[in-house]
Amino acid sequence: RWQRGIAAGLAPLDLTHVQFVLLA
């Protein structure tokens, strides 16, 4: 459930969750 929320939050920024973690 949490991962679905993260994916939805990052979608407009064109980032996957793993891309986000490594970029951040």
PDB file of all heavy atoms in Angstrom:
ATOM      1  N   ARG A   1       0.836  -1.204   0.000  1.00  0.00           N
ATOM      2  CA  ARG A   1       0.000   0.000   0.000  1.00  0.00           C
ATOM      3  C   ARG A   1       0.871   1.255   0.000  1.00  0.00           C
ATOM      4  O   ARG A   1       0.629   2.201  -0.755  1.00  0.00           O
ATOM      5  CB  ARG A   1      -0.929  -0.007   1.211  1.00  0.00           C
ATOM      6  CG  ARG A   1      -1.881   1.148   1.216  1.00  0.00           C
ATOM      7  CD  ARG A   1      -2.954   1.011   2.312  1.00  0.00           C
ATOM      8  NE  ARG A   1      -3.528   2.317   2.532  1.00  0.00           N
ATOM      9  CZ  ARG A   1      -3.297   3.065   3.594  1.00  0.00           C
ATOM     10  NH1 ARG A   1      -2.537   2.621   4.571  1.00  0.00           N
ATOM     11  NH2 ARG A   1      -3.835   4.245   3.697  1.00  0.00           N
ATOM     12  N   TRP A   2       1.905   1.263   0.831  1.00  0.00           N
ATOM     13  CA  TRP A   2       2.819   2.408   0.898  1.00  0.00           C
ATOM     14  C   TRP A   2       3.538   2.601  -0.442  1.00  0.00           C
ATOM     15  O   TRP A   2       3.638   3.722  -0.940  1.00  0.00           O
ATOM     16  CB  TRP A   2       3.812   2.185   2.040  1.00  0.00           C
ATOM     17  CG  TRP A   2       4.886   3.209   2.127  1.00  0.00           C
ATOM     18  CD1 TRP A   2       4.768   4.501   2.571  1.00  0.00           C
ATOM     19  CD2 TRP A   2       6.252   3.035   1.768  1.00  0.00           C
ATOM     20  NE1 TRP A   2       5.982   5.126   2.511  1.00  0.00           N
ATOM     21  CE2 TRP A   2       6.906   4.242   2.027  1.00  0.00           C
ATOM     22  CE3 TRP A   2       6.979   1.953   1.269  1.00  0.00           C
ATOM     23  CZ2 TRP A   2       8.274   4.411   1.792  1.00  0.00           C
ATOM     24  CZ3 TRP A   2       8.329   2.129   1.041  1.00  0.00           C
ATOM     25  CH2 TRP A   2       8.960   3.350   1.304  1.00  0.00           C
ATOM     26  N   GLN A   3       4.011   1.505  -1.051  1.00  0.00           N
ATOM     27  CA  GLN A   3       4.710   1.604  -2.333  1.00  0.00           C
ATOM     28  C   GLN A   3       3.810   2.141  -3.432  1.00  0.00           C
ATOM     29  O   GLN A   3       4.269   2.901  -4.294  1.00  0.00           O
ATOM     30  CB  GLN A   3       5.285   0.242  -2.733  1.00  0.00           C
ATOM     31  CG  GLN A   3       6.475  -0.168  -1.901  1.00  0.00           C
ATOM     32  CD  GLN A   3       6.965  -1.569  -2.228  1.00  0.00           C
ATOM     33  OE1 GLN A   3       6.223  -2.408  -2.741  1.00  0.00           O
ATOM     34  NE2 GLN A   3       8.224  -1.827  -1.921  1.00  0.00           N
ATOM     35  N   ARG A   4       2.538   1.758  -3.432  1.00  0.00           N
ATOM     36  CA  ARG A   4       1.598   2.312  -4.422  1.00  0.00           C
ATOM     37  C   ARG A   4       1.479   3.818  -4.258  1.00  0.00           C
ATOM     38  O   ARG A   4       1.446   4.559  -5.243  1.00  0.00           O
ATOM     39  CB  ARG A   4       0.230   1.651  -4.310  1.00  0.00           C
ATOM     40  CG  ARG A   4       0.160   0.269  -4.920  1.00  0.00           C
ATOM     41  CD  ARG A   4      -1.268  -0.247  -5.045  1.00  0.00           C
ATOM     42  NE  ARG A   4      -1.950  -0.376  -3.772  1.00  0.00           N
ATOM     43  CZ  ARG A   4      -1.942  -1.468  -3.007  1.00  0.00           C
ATOM     44  NH1 ARG A   4      -1.280  -2.538  -3.397  1.00  0.00           N
ATOM     45  NH2 ARG A   4      -2.589  -1.483  -1.867  1.00  0.00           N
ATOM     46  N   GLY A   5       1.430   4.274  -3.020  1.00  0.00           N
ATOM     47  CA  GLY A   5       1.366   5.711  -2.768  1.00  0.00           C
ATOM     48  C   GLY A   5       2.612   6.433  -3.234  1.00  0.00           C
ATOM     49  O   GLY A   5       2.538   7.502  -3.849  1.00  0.00           O
ATOM     50  N   ILE A   6       3.773   5.848  -2.953  1.00  0.00           N
ATOM     51  CA  ILE A   6       5.044   6.450  -3.384  1.00  0.00           C
ATOM     52  C   ILE A   6       5.099   6.511  -4.910  1.00  0.00           C
ATOM     53  O   ILE A   6       5.463   7.544  -5.492  1.00  0.00           O
ATOM     54  CB  ILE A   6       6.247   5.659  -2.831  1.00  0.00           C
ATOM     55  CG1 ILE A   6       6.306   5.731  -1.303  1.00  0.00           C
ATOM     56  CG2 ILE A   6       7.557   6.136  -3.454  1.00  0.00           C
ATOM     57  CD1 ILE A   6       6.606   7.081  -0.718  1.00  0.00           C
ATOM     58  N   ALA A   7       4.732   5.424  -5.577  1.00  0.00           N
ATOM     59  CA  ALA A   7       4.752   5.394  -7.050  1.00  0.00           C
ATOM     60  C   ALA A   7       3.842   6.482  -7.620  1.00  0.00           C
ATOM     61  O   ALA A   7       4.217   7.180  -8.570  1.00  0.00           O
ATOM     62  CB  ALA A   7       4.344   4.018  -7.557  1.00  0.00           C
ATOM     63  N   ALA A   8       2.658   6.633  -7.041  1.00  0.00           N
ATOM     64  CA  ALA A   8       1.727   7.663  -7.517  1.00  0.00           C
ATOM     65  C   ALA A   8       2.282   9.065  -7.267  1.00  0.00           C
ATOM     66  O   ALA A   8       2.147   9.960  -8.103  1.00  0.00           O
ATOM     67  CB  ALA A   8       0.370   7.493  -6.834  1.00  0.00           C
ATOM     68  N   GLY A   9       2.926   9.256  -6.123  1.00  0.00           N
ATOM     69  CA  GLY A   9       3.495  10.567  -5.810  1.00  0.00           C
ATOM     70  C   GLY A   9       4.668  10.941  -6.697  1.00  0.00           C
ATOM     71  O   GLY A   9       4.890  12.117  -6.987  1.00  0.00           O
ATOM     72  N   LEU A  10       5.419   9.945  -7.145  1.00  0.00           N
ATOM     73  CA  LEU A  10       6.602  10.201  -7.977  1.00  0.00           C
ATOM     74  C   LEU A  10       6.300  10.197  -9.472  1.00  0.00           C
ATOM     75  O   LEU A  10       7.093  10.711 -10.259  1.00  0.00           O
ATOM     76  CB  LEU A  10       7.685   9.170  -7.672  1.00  0.00           C
ATOM     77  CG  LEU A  10       8.332   9.275  -6.292  1.00  0.00           C
ATOM     78  CD1 LEU A  10       9.247   8.072  -6.044  1.00  0.00           C
ATOM     79  CD2 LEU A  10       9.108  10.581  -6.158  1.00  0.00           C
ATOM     80  N   ALA A  11       5.173   9.625  -9.871  1.00  0.00           N
ATOM     81  CA  ALA A  11       4.845   9.518 -11.302  1.00  0.00           C
ATOM     82  C   ALA A  11       4.888  10.863 -12.030  1.00  0.00           C
ATOM     83  O   ALA A  11       5.464  10.945 -13.122  1.00  0.00           O
ATOM     84  CB  ALA A  11       3.492   8.831 -11.485  1.00  0.00           C
ATOM     85  N   PRO A  12       4.313  11.935 -11.465  1.00  0.00           N
ATOM     86  CA  PRO A  12       4.375  13.214 -12.186  1.00  0.00           C
ATOM     87  C   PRO A  12       5.801  13.742 -12.376  1.00  0.00           C
ATOM     88  O   PRO A  12       6.040  14.589 -13.236  1.00  0.00           O
ATOM     89  CB  PRO A  12       3.574  14.173 -11.292  1.00  0.00           C
ATOM     90  CG  PRO A  12       2.754  13.309 -10.406  1.00  0.00           C
ATOM     91  CD  PRO A  12       3.511  12.032 -10.246  1.00  0.00           C
ATOM     92  N   LEU A  13       6.731  13.242 -11.579  1.00  0.00           N
ATOM     93  CA  LEU A  13       8.125  13.671 -11.684  1.00  0.00           C
ATOM     94  C   LEU A  13       8.950  12.735 -12.562  1.00  0.00           C
ATOM     95  O   LEU A  13      10.161  12.916 -12.714  1.00  0.00           O
ATOM     96  CB  LEU A  13       8.744  13.760 -10.286  1.00  0.00           C
ATOM     97  CG  LEU A  13       8.015  14.691  -9.310  1.00  0.00           C
ATOM     98  CD1 LEU A  13       8.641  14.609  -7.925  1.00  0.00           C
ATOM     99  CD2 LEU A  13       8.003  16.109  -9.825  1.00  0.00           C
ATOM    100  N   ASP A  14       8.304  11.710 -13.131  1.00  0.00           N
ATOM    101  CA  ASP A  14       8.950  10.734 -14.007  1.00  0.00           C
ATOM    102  C   ASP A  14      10.106  10.007 -13.306  1.00  0.00           C
ATOM    103  O   ASP A  14      11.176   9.822 -13.873  1.00  0.00           O
ATOM    104  CB  ASP A  14       9.432  11.396 -15.301  1.00  0.00           C
ATOM    105  CG  ASP A  14       9.866  10.380 -16.348  1.00  0.00           C
ATOM    106  OD1 ASP A  14       9.298   9.267 -16.381  1.00  0.00           O
ATOM    107  OD2 ASP A  14      10.812  10.691 -17.116  1.00  0.00           O
ATOM    108  N   LEU A  15       9.849   9.615 -12.046  1.00  0.00           N
ATOM    109  CA  LEU A  15      10.837   8.855 -11.288  1.00  0.00           C
ATOM    110  C   LEU A  15      10.195   7.596 -10.729  1.00  0.00           C
ATOM    111  O   LEU A  15       9.055   7.633 -10.262  1.00  0.00           O
ATOM    112  CB  LEU A  15      11.363   9.668 -10.093  1.00  0.00           C
ATOM    113  CG  LEU A  15      12.260  10.864 -10.368  1.00  0.00           C
ATOM    114  CD1 LEU A  15      12.523  11.625  -9.075  1.00  0.00           C
ATOM    115  CD2 LEU A  15      13.566  10.435 -11.015  1.00  0.00           C
ATOM    116  N   THR A  16      10.943   6.506 -10.765  1.00  0.00           N
ATOM    117  CA  THR A  16      10.521   5.310 -10.042  1.00  0.00           C
ATOM    118  C   THR A  16      10.968   5.474  -8.597  1.00  0.00           C
ATOM    119  O   THR A  16      11.770   6.372  -8.272  1.00  0.00           O
ATOM    120  CB  THR A  16      11.164   4.039 -10.635  1.00  0.00           C
ATOM    121  OG1 THR A  16      12.573   4.089 -10.382  1.00  0.00           O
ATOM    122  CG2 THR A  16      10.865   3.896 -12.120  1.00  0.00           C
ATOM    123  N   HIS A  17      10.514   4.582  -7.737  1.00  0.00           N
ATOM    124  CA  HIS A  17      10.898   4.660  -6.336  1.00  0.00           C
ATOM    125  C   HIS A  17      12.408   4.478  -6.171  1.00  0.00           C
ATOM    126  O   HIS A  17      13.056   5.231  -5.430  1.00  0.00           O
ATOM    127  CB  HIS A  17      10.128   3.608  -5.532  1.00  0.00           C
ATOM    128  CG  HIS A  17      10.178   3.838  -4.060  1.00  0.00           C
ATOM    129  ND1 HIS A  17       9.450   3.101  -3.181  1.00  0.00           N
ATOM    130  CD2 HIS A  17      10.877   4.710  -3.294  1.00  0.00           C
ATOM    131  CE1 HIS A  17       9.692   3.520  -1.946  1.00  0.00           C
ATOM    132  NE2 HIS A  17      10.556   4.488  -2.001  1.00  0.00           N
ATOM    133  N   VAL A  18      12.984   3.517  -6.866  1.00  0.00           N
ATOM    134  CA  VAL A  18      14.426   3.285  -6.750  1.00  0.00           C
ATOM    135  C   VAL A  18      15.204   4.466  -7.318  1.00  0.00           C
ATOM    136  O   VAL A  18      16.214   4.896  -6.736  1.00  0.00           O
ATOM    137  CB  VAL A  18      14.845   1.960  -7.434  1.00  0.00           C
ATOM    138  CG1 VAL A  18      16.347   1.779  -7.409  1.00  0.00           C
ATOM    139  CG2 VAL A  18      14.162   0.783  -6.764  1.00  0.00           C
ATOM    140  N   GLN A  19      14.758   5.018  -8.442  1.00  0.00           N
ATOM    141  CA  GLN A  19      15.416   6.209  -8.987  1.00  0.00           C
ATOM    142  C   GLN A  19      15.380   7.345  -7.970  1.00  0.00           C
ATOM    143  O   GLN A  19      16.376   8.048  -7.775  1.00  0.00           O
ATOM    144  CB  GLN A  19      14.750   6.646 -10.286  1.00  0.00           C
ATOM    145  CG  GLN A  19      15.032   5.743 -11.453  1.00  0.00           C
ATOM    146  CD  GLN A  19      14.207   6.111 -12.680  1.00  0.00           C
ATOM    147  OE1 GLN A  19      13.178   6.783 -12.597  1.00  0.00           O
ATOM    148  NE2 GLN A  19      14.672   5.660 -13.830  1.00  0.00           N
ATOM    149  N   PHE A  20      14.234   7.511  -7.321  1.00  0.00           N
ATOM    150  CA  PHE A  20      14.116   8.542  -6.296  1.00  0.00           C
ATOM    151  C   PHE A  20      15.126   8.321  -5.174  1.00  0.00           C
ATOM    152  O   PHE A  20      15.831   9.242  -4.766  1.00  0.00           O
ATOM    153  CB  PHE A  20      12.701   8.580  -5.705  1.00  0.00           C
ATOM    154  CG  PHE A  20      12.668   9.259  -4.366  1.00  0.00           C
ATOM    155  CD1 PHE A  20      12.784  10.635  -4.265  1.00  0.00           C
ATOM    156  CD2 PHE A  20      12.578   8.512  -3.204  1.00  0.00           C
ATOM    157  CE1 PHE A  20      12.809  11.260  -3.025  1.00  0.00           C
ATOM    158  CE2 PHE A  20      12.593   9.118  -1.959  1.00  0.00           C
ATOM    159  CZ  PHE A  20      12.709  10.507  -1.862  1.00  0.00           C
ATOM    160  N   VAL A  21      15.182   7.111  -4.642  1.00  0.00           N
ATOM    161  CA  VAL A  21      16.074   6.817  -3.516  1.00  0.00           C
ATOM    162  C   VAL A  21      17.524   7.133  -3.887  1.00  0.00           C
ATOM    163  O   VAL A  21      18.251   7.777  -3.118  1.00  0.00           O
ATOM    164  CB  VAL A  21      15.925   5.351  -3.057  1.00  0.00           C
ATOM    165  CG1 VAL A  21      17.037   4.958  -2.091  1.00  0.00           C
ATOM    166  CG2 VAL A  21      14.556   5.131  -2.417  1.00  0.00           C
ATOM    167  N   LEU A  22      17.933   6.731  -5.075  1.00  0.00           N
ATOM    168  CA  LEU A  22      19.322   6.951  -5.473  1.00  0.00           C
ATOM    169  C   LEU A  22      19.591   8.408  -5.826  1.00  0.00           C
ATOM    170  O   LEU A  22      20.670   8.936  -5.508  1.00  0.00           O
ATOM    171  CB  LEU A  22      19.703   6.004  -6.607  1.00  0.00           C
ATOM    172  CG  LEU A  22      19.685   4.523  -6.190  1.00  0.00           C
ATOM    173  CD1 LEU A  22      19.969   3.627  -7.386  1.00  0.00           C
ATOM    174  CD2 LEU A  22      20.655   4.248  -5.053  1.00  0.00           C
ATOM    175  N   LEU A  23      18.641   9.082  -6.446  1.00  0.00           N
ATOM    176  CA  LEU A  23      18.808  10.514  -6.716  1.00  0.00           C
ATOM    177  C   LEU A  23      18.854  11.300  -5.410  1.00  0.00           C
ATOM    178  O   LEU A  23      19.740  12.134  -5.206  1.00  0.00           O
ATOM    179  CB  LEU A  23      17.660  11.035  -7.600  1.00  0.00           C
ATOM    180  CG  LEU A  23      17.663  12.555  -7.836  1.00  0.00           C
ATOM    181  CD1 LEU A  23      18.901  12.976  -8.622  1.00  0.00           C
ATOM    182  CD2 LEU A  23      16.382  12.965  -8.551  1.00  0.00           C
ATOM    183  N   ALA A  24      17.898  11.046  -4.512  1.00  0.00           N
ATOM    184  CA  ALA A  24      17.851  11.774  -3.241  1.00  0.00           C
ATOM    185  C   ALA A  24      19.093  11.492  -2.397  1.00  0.00           C
ATOM    186  O   ALA A  24      19.641  12.406  -1.764  1.00  0.00           O
ATOM    187  CB  ALA A  24      16.581  11.404  -2.475  1.00  0.00           C
TER     188      ALA A  24
END
